[in-house]
Amino acid sequence: METESKNVAAIIIDIVGSRTMEDRIVAQDGITEAFQRSLRSIDPIMPVAATVGDEFQGLFASTNDALVVTARASLLLPEGVDVRCGIGEGEATTITTSDGMRLQDGTAWWNAREAIEEAHRRQDTGHRSARTWYIGQGPASYINSHLILRDHIVFRMRNRERRLAAALLLGATQVEMADTEKISQSAVSQTLHRSGAIALRDSLKVIFDEEE
């Protein structure tokens, strides 16, 4: 039995430096939690979950959803845990075998695989902040330009800056952030602007506005 979805976005994730981690199970749990928390207001076709080894996969209704989820998750990861993401747009087919196994196939998955390999290649050839790449039917140069800048901004953030940026992308108010961090609302505002979190939020909004 087969079910097919068109114009969807597959995500493949792997852990950066997994072989040197002291506790990969804890890291995997942290990654799963980060992606679960990133789903606010987004309904996945297939939630991000661990598959084989240090790899995770998920399926979303649109590239925009995948961009938001990966942005939020990159900010919600536990300290010391880092991931690469490949986003692939296309068709996704779920094949249910006679013994009940569900196998994923289709161009969305092929493109996601090629995309994560490209993210890996870019990181290995000197692009230290490279973590995410997109391949698919959309305007790839436009989307990847956003991802290059997004990854650079997130890569340079400190822990508090990441927490505040994550809260911003999840819809928290500056007053709520100030209360959580035990700092002033003015300090929150300054941090969000200085770290690039506001620019990150606004760039995602532009992508959504262009899609409408």
Protein backbone atom coordinates (compact mmCIF):
# COMPACT_ATOMS: atom_id res chain seq x y z
CA MET A 1 0.00 0.00 0.00
CA GLU A 2 1.30 3.46 -0.95
CA THR A 3 0.31 7.00 0.07
CA GLU A 4 1.78 9.99 -1.73
CA SER A 5 2.08 13.66 -0.78
CA LYS A 6 3.08 16.32 -3.31
CA ASN A 7 4.97 19.59 -2.74
CA VAL A 8 6.00 18.65 0.79
CA ALA A 9 9.27 19.20 2.66
CA ALA A 10 11.35 16.39 4.10
CA ILE A 11 13.99 17.09 6.73
CA ILE A 12 17.02 14.92 7.44
CA ILE A 13 19.10 15.82 10.51
CA ASP A 14 22.41 14.50 11.77
CA ILE A 15 24.51 15.30 14.84
CA VAL A 16 27.68 17.33 14.37
CA GLY A 17 30.64 15.61 16.06
CA SER A 18 28.58 12.69 17.33
CA ARG A 19 31.57 10.36 17.58
CA THR A 20 33.27 12.54 20.18
CA MET A 21 30.21 12.89 22.44
CA GLU A 22 30.34 11.39 25.90
CA ASP A 23 26.62 10.56 25.97
CA ARG A 24 24.95 10.30 22.59
CA ILE A 25 21.65 9.09 24.09
CA VAL A 26 21.29 12.28 26.11
CA ALA A 27 22.13 14.31 22.99
CA GLN A 28 19.54 12.45 20.92
CA ASP A 29 16.89 13.03 23.59
CA GLY A 30 17.76 16.74 23.62
CA ILE A 31 17.44 16.96 19.85
CA THR A 32 14.07 15.20 19.88
CA GLU A 33 12.80 17.58 22.58
CA ALA A 34 14.06 20.63 20.67
CA PHE A 35 12.17 19.61 17.54
CA GLN A 36 9.04 18.78 19.53
CA ARG A 37 9.06 22.23 21.15
CA SER A 38 9.63 23.84 17.74
CA LEU A 39 6.25 22.58 16.48
CA ARG A 40 4.12 25.31 18.07
CA SER A 41 1.42 26.30 15.51
CA ILE A 42 2.86 23.82 12.97
CA ASP A 43 1.27 20.45 12.22
CA PRO A 44 3.83 17.99 10.81
CA ILE A 45 2.96 15.20 8.42
CA MET A 46 5.57 13.13 10.25
CA PRO A 47 7.18 14.55 13.41
CA VAL A 48 10.95 14.57 13.59
CA ALA A 49 12.15 11.32 15.15
CA ALA A 50 15.36 9.30 15.39
CA THR A 51 15.84 6.70 12.66
CA VAL A 52 19.18 4.90 12.28
CA GLY A 53 22.38 5.79 14.12
CA ASP A 54 22.62 9.54 14.70
CA GLU A 55 20.07 10.52 12.05
CA PHE A 56 16.59 12.03 12.45
CA GLN A 57 13.85 12.53 9.86
CA GLY A 58 10.61 14.50 9.62
CA LEU A 59 8.08 15.51 6.98
CA PHE A 60 6.21 18.82 6.70
CA ALA A 61 3.44 20.27 4.57
CA SER A 62 5.61 23.08 3.18
CA THR A 63 9.16 24.37 2.94
CA ASN A 64 8.11 27.37 5.03
CA ASP A 65 7.12 25.06 7.88
CA ALA A 66 10.47 23.29 7.59
CA LEU A 67 12.33 26.61 7.68
CA VAL A 68 10.54 27.70 10.85
CA VAL A 69 10.94 24.36 12.61
CA THR A 70 14.66 24.08 11.85
CA ALA A 71 15.24 27.71 12.89
CA ARG A 72 13.48 27.22 16.22
CA ALA A 73 15.12 23.85 16.87
CA SER A 74 18.62 25.22 16.19
CA LEU A 75 18.03 27.70 19.02
CA LEU A 76 16.44 25.18 21.39
CA LEU A 77 19.21 22.57 21.25
CA PRO A 78 20.93 21.76 24.55
CA GLU A 79 24.25 23.45 25.19
CA GLY A 80 27.04 21.56 23.43
CA VAL A 81 24.73 19.80 20.95
CA ASP A 82 24.80 20.82 17.30
CA VAL A 83 23.07 19.44 14.19
CA ARG A 84 23.06 19.72 10.41
CA CYS A 85 19.79 19.80 8.47
CA GLY A 86 18.94 19.01 4.87
CA ILE A 87 15.58 20.29 3.62
CA GLY A 88 14.19 18.66 0.48
CA GLU A 89 11.03 19.71 -1.33
CA GLY A 90 9.17 17.37 -3.66
CA GLU A 91 6.97 14.30 -3.46
CA ALA A 92 6.97 11.88 -0.55
CA THR A 93 5.67 8.34 -0.70
CA THR A 94 4.98 6.13 2.29
CA ILE A 95 5.07 2.43 1.48
CA THR A 96 3.46 0.10 4.00
CA THR A 97 4.81 -3.43 3.62
CA SER A 98 2.85 -6.61 4.22
CA ASP A 99 4.43 -6.96 7.67
CA GLY A 100 3.42 -3.41 8.67
CA MET A 101 6.71 -1.60 8.13
CA ARG A 102 6.43 1.99 6.85
CA LEU A 103 9.14 2.98 4.36
CA GLN A 104 9.76 6.54 3.13
CA ASP A 105 10.60 7.29 -0.50
CA GLY A 106 10.23 10.05 -3.10
CA THR A 107 11.96 13.16 -4.44
CA ALA A 108 11.50 15.14 -1.20
CA TRP A 109 13.63 12.57 0.63
CA TRP A 110 16.20 12.32 -2.18
CA ASN A 111 16.54 16.11 -2.19
CA ALA A 112 16.85 16.23 1.61
CA ARG A 113 19.65 13.65 1.45
CA GLU A 114 21.50 15.66 -1.20
CA ALA A 115 20.92 18.85 0.82
CA ILE A 116 22.41 17.51 4.05
CA GLU A 117 25.40 16.19 2.14
CA GLU A 118 25.91 19.69 0.72
CA ALA A 119 25.63 21.24 4.21
CA HIS A 120 28.27 18.75 5.38
CA ARG A 121 30.51 19.56 2.42
CA ARG A 122 30.25 23.30 3.01
CA GLN A 123 31.14 22.92 6.67
CA ASP A 124 34.11 20.69 5.83
CA THR A 125 35.45 23.18 3.26
CA GLY A 126 35.74 26.16 5.57
CA HIS A 127 32.19 27.45 6.05
CA ARG A 128 32.30 27.00 9.84
CA SER A 129 28.72 28.13 10.48
CA ALA A 130 27.13 26.10 7.65
CA ARG A 131 24.43 23.85 9.09
CA THR A 132 21.45 23.87 6.72
CA TRP A 133 20.82 23.55 2.98
CA TYR A 134 17.76 23.33 0.74
CA ILE A 135 17.15 21.52 -2.55
CA GLY A 136 13.76 21.40 -4.24
CA GLN A 137 11.22 23.01 -6.49
CA GLY A 138 11.25 26.46 -4.88
CA PRO A 139 13.66 29.38 -5.42
CA ALA A 140 16.75 27.59 -4.11
CA SER A 141 19.14 30.55 -4.34
CA TYR A 142 16.66 32.73 -2.43
CA ILE A 143 16.08 30.15 0.31
CA ASN A 144 19.74 29.17 0.66
CA SER A 145 20.79 32.82 0.90
CA HIS A 146 18.45 33.06 3.90
CA LEU A 147 19.88 29.85 5.37
CA ILE A 148 23.50 30.98 5.01
CA LEU A 149 22.78 34.17 6.93
CA ARG A 150 20.53 32.40 9.44
CA ASP A 151 23.18 29.82 10.26
CA HIS A 152 25.81 32.53 10.67
CA ILE A 153 23.60 34.50 13.08
CA VAL A 154 22.73 31.44 15.19
CA PHE A 155 26.34 30.18 15.18
CA ARG A 156 27.54 33.44 16.78
CA MET A 157 24.86 33.59 19.49
CA ARG A 158 25.59 33.02 23.15
CA ASN A 159 23.34 30.88 25.36
CA ARG A 160 21.04 33.66 26.60
CA GLU A 161 20.79 35.12 23.10
CA ARG A 162 19.68 31.72 21.80
CA ARG A 163 17.08 31.35 24.52
CA LEU A 164 15.64 34.77 23.80
CA ALA A 165 15.70 34.23 20.03
CA ALA A 166 13.90 30.90 20.47
CA ALA A 167 11.27 32.56 22.66
CA LEU A 168 10.81 35.27 20.04
CA LEU A 169 10.25 32.74 17.24
CA LEU A 170 7.81 30.86 19.48
CA GLY A 171 5.72 33.99 20.01
CA ALA A 172 6.67 35.10 23.52
CA THR A 173 6.45 38.78 24.40
CA GLN A 174 9.44 40.77 25.59
CA VAL A 175 7.78 41.14 29.00
CA GLU A 176 7.46 37.35 29.26
CA MET A 177 11.10 36.90 28.21
CA ALA A 178 12.26 39.47 30.78
CA ASP A 179 10.36 37.67 33.53
CA THR A 180 11.84 34.28 32.56
CA GLU A 181 15.41 35.58 32.32
CA LYS A 182 15.10 37.87 35.38
CA ILE A 183 16.28 40.91 33.41
CA SER A 184 14.64 44.14 32.28
CA GLN A 185 12.47 44.43 29.18
CA SER A 186 14.97 46.98 27.88
CA ALA A 187 17.78 44.43 28.21
CA VAL A 188 15.67 41.89 26.31
CA SER A 189 15.06 44.36 23.48
CA GLN A 190 18.73 45.28 23.23
CA THR A 191 19.78 41.63 23.19
CA LEU A 192 17.26 40.67 20.50
CA HIS A 193 18.45 43.46 18.21
CA ARG A 194 22.18 43.05 18.93
CA SER A 195 22.20 39.27 18.46
CA GLY A 196 20.35 39.33 15.14
CA ALA A 197 17.23 37.61 16.51
CA ILE A 198 14.94 40.38 15.24
CA ALA A 199 16.51 40.17 11.78
CA LEU A 200 16.06 36.39 11.83
CA ARG A 201 12.37 36.70 12.74
CA ASP A 202 11.80 39.37 10.10
CA SER A 203 13.55 37.39 7.36
CA LEU A 204 11.24 34.42 8.04
CA LYS A 205 8.25 36.76 7.91
CA VAL A 206 9.36 38.06 4.50
CA ILE A 207 9.50 34.49 3.18
CA PHE A 208 5.98 33.82 4.43
CA ASP A 209 4.68 37.11 3.00
CA GLU A 210 6.19 36.29 -0.40
CA GLU A 211 4.43 32.90 -0.36
CA GLU A 212 0.98 34.41 0.26
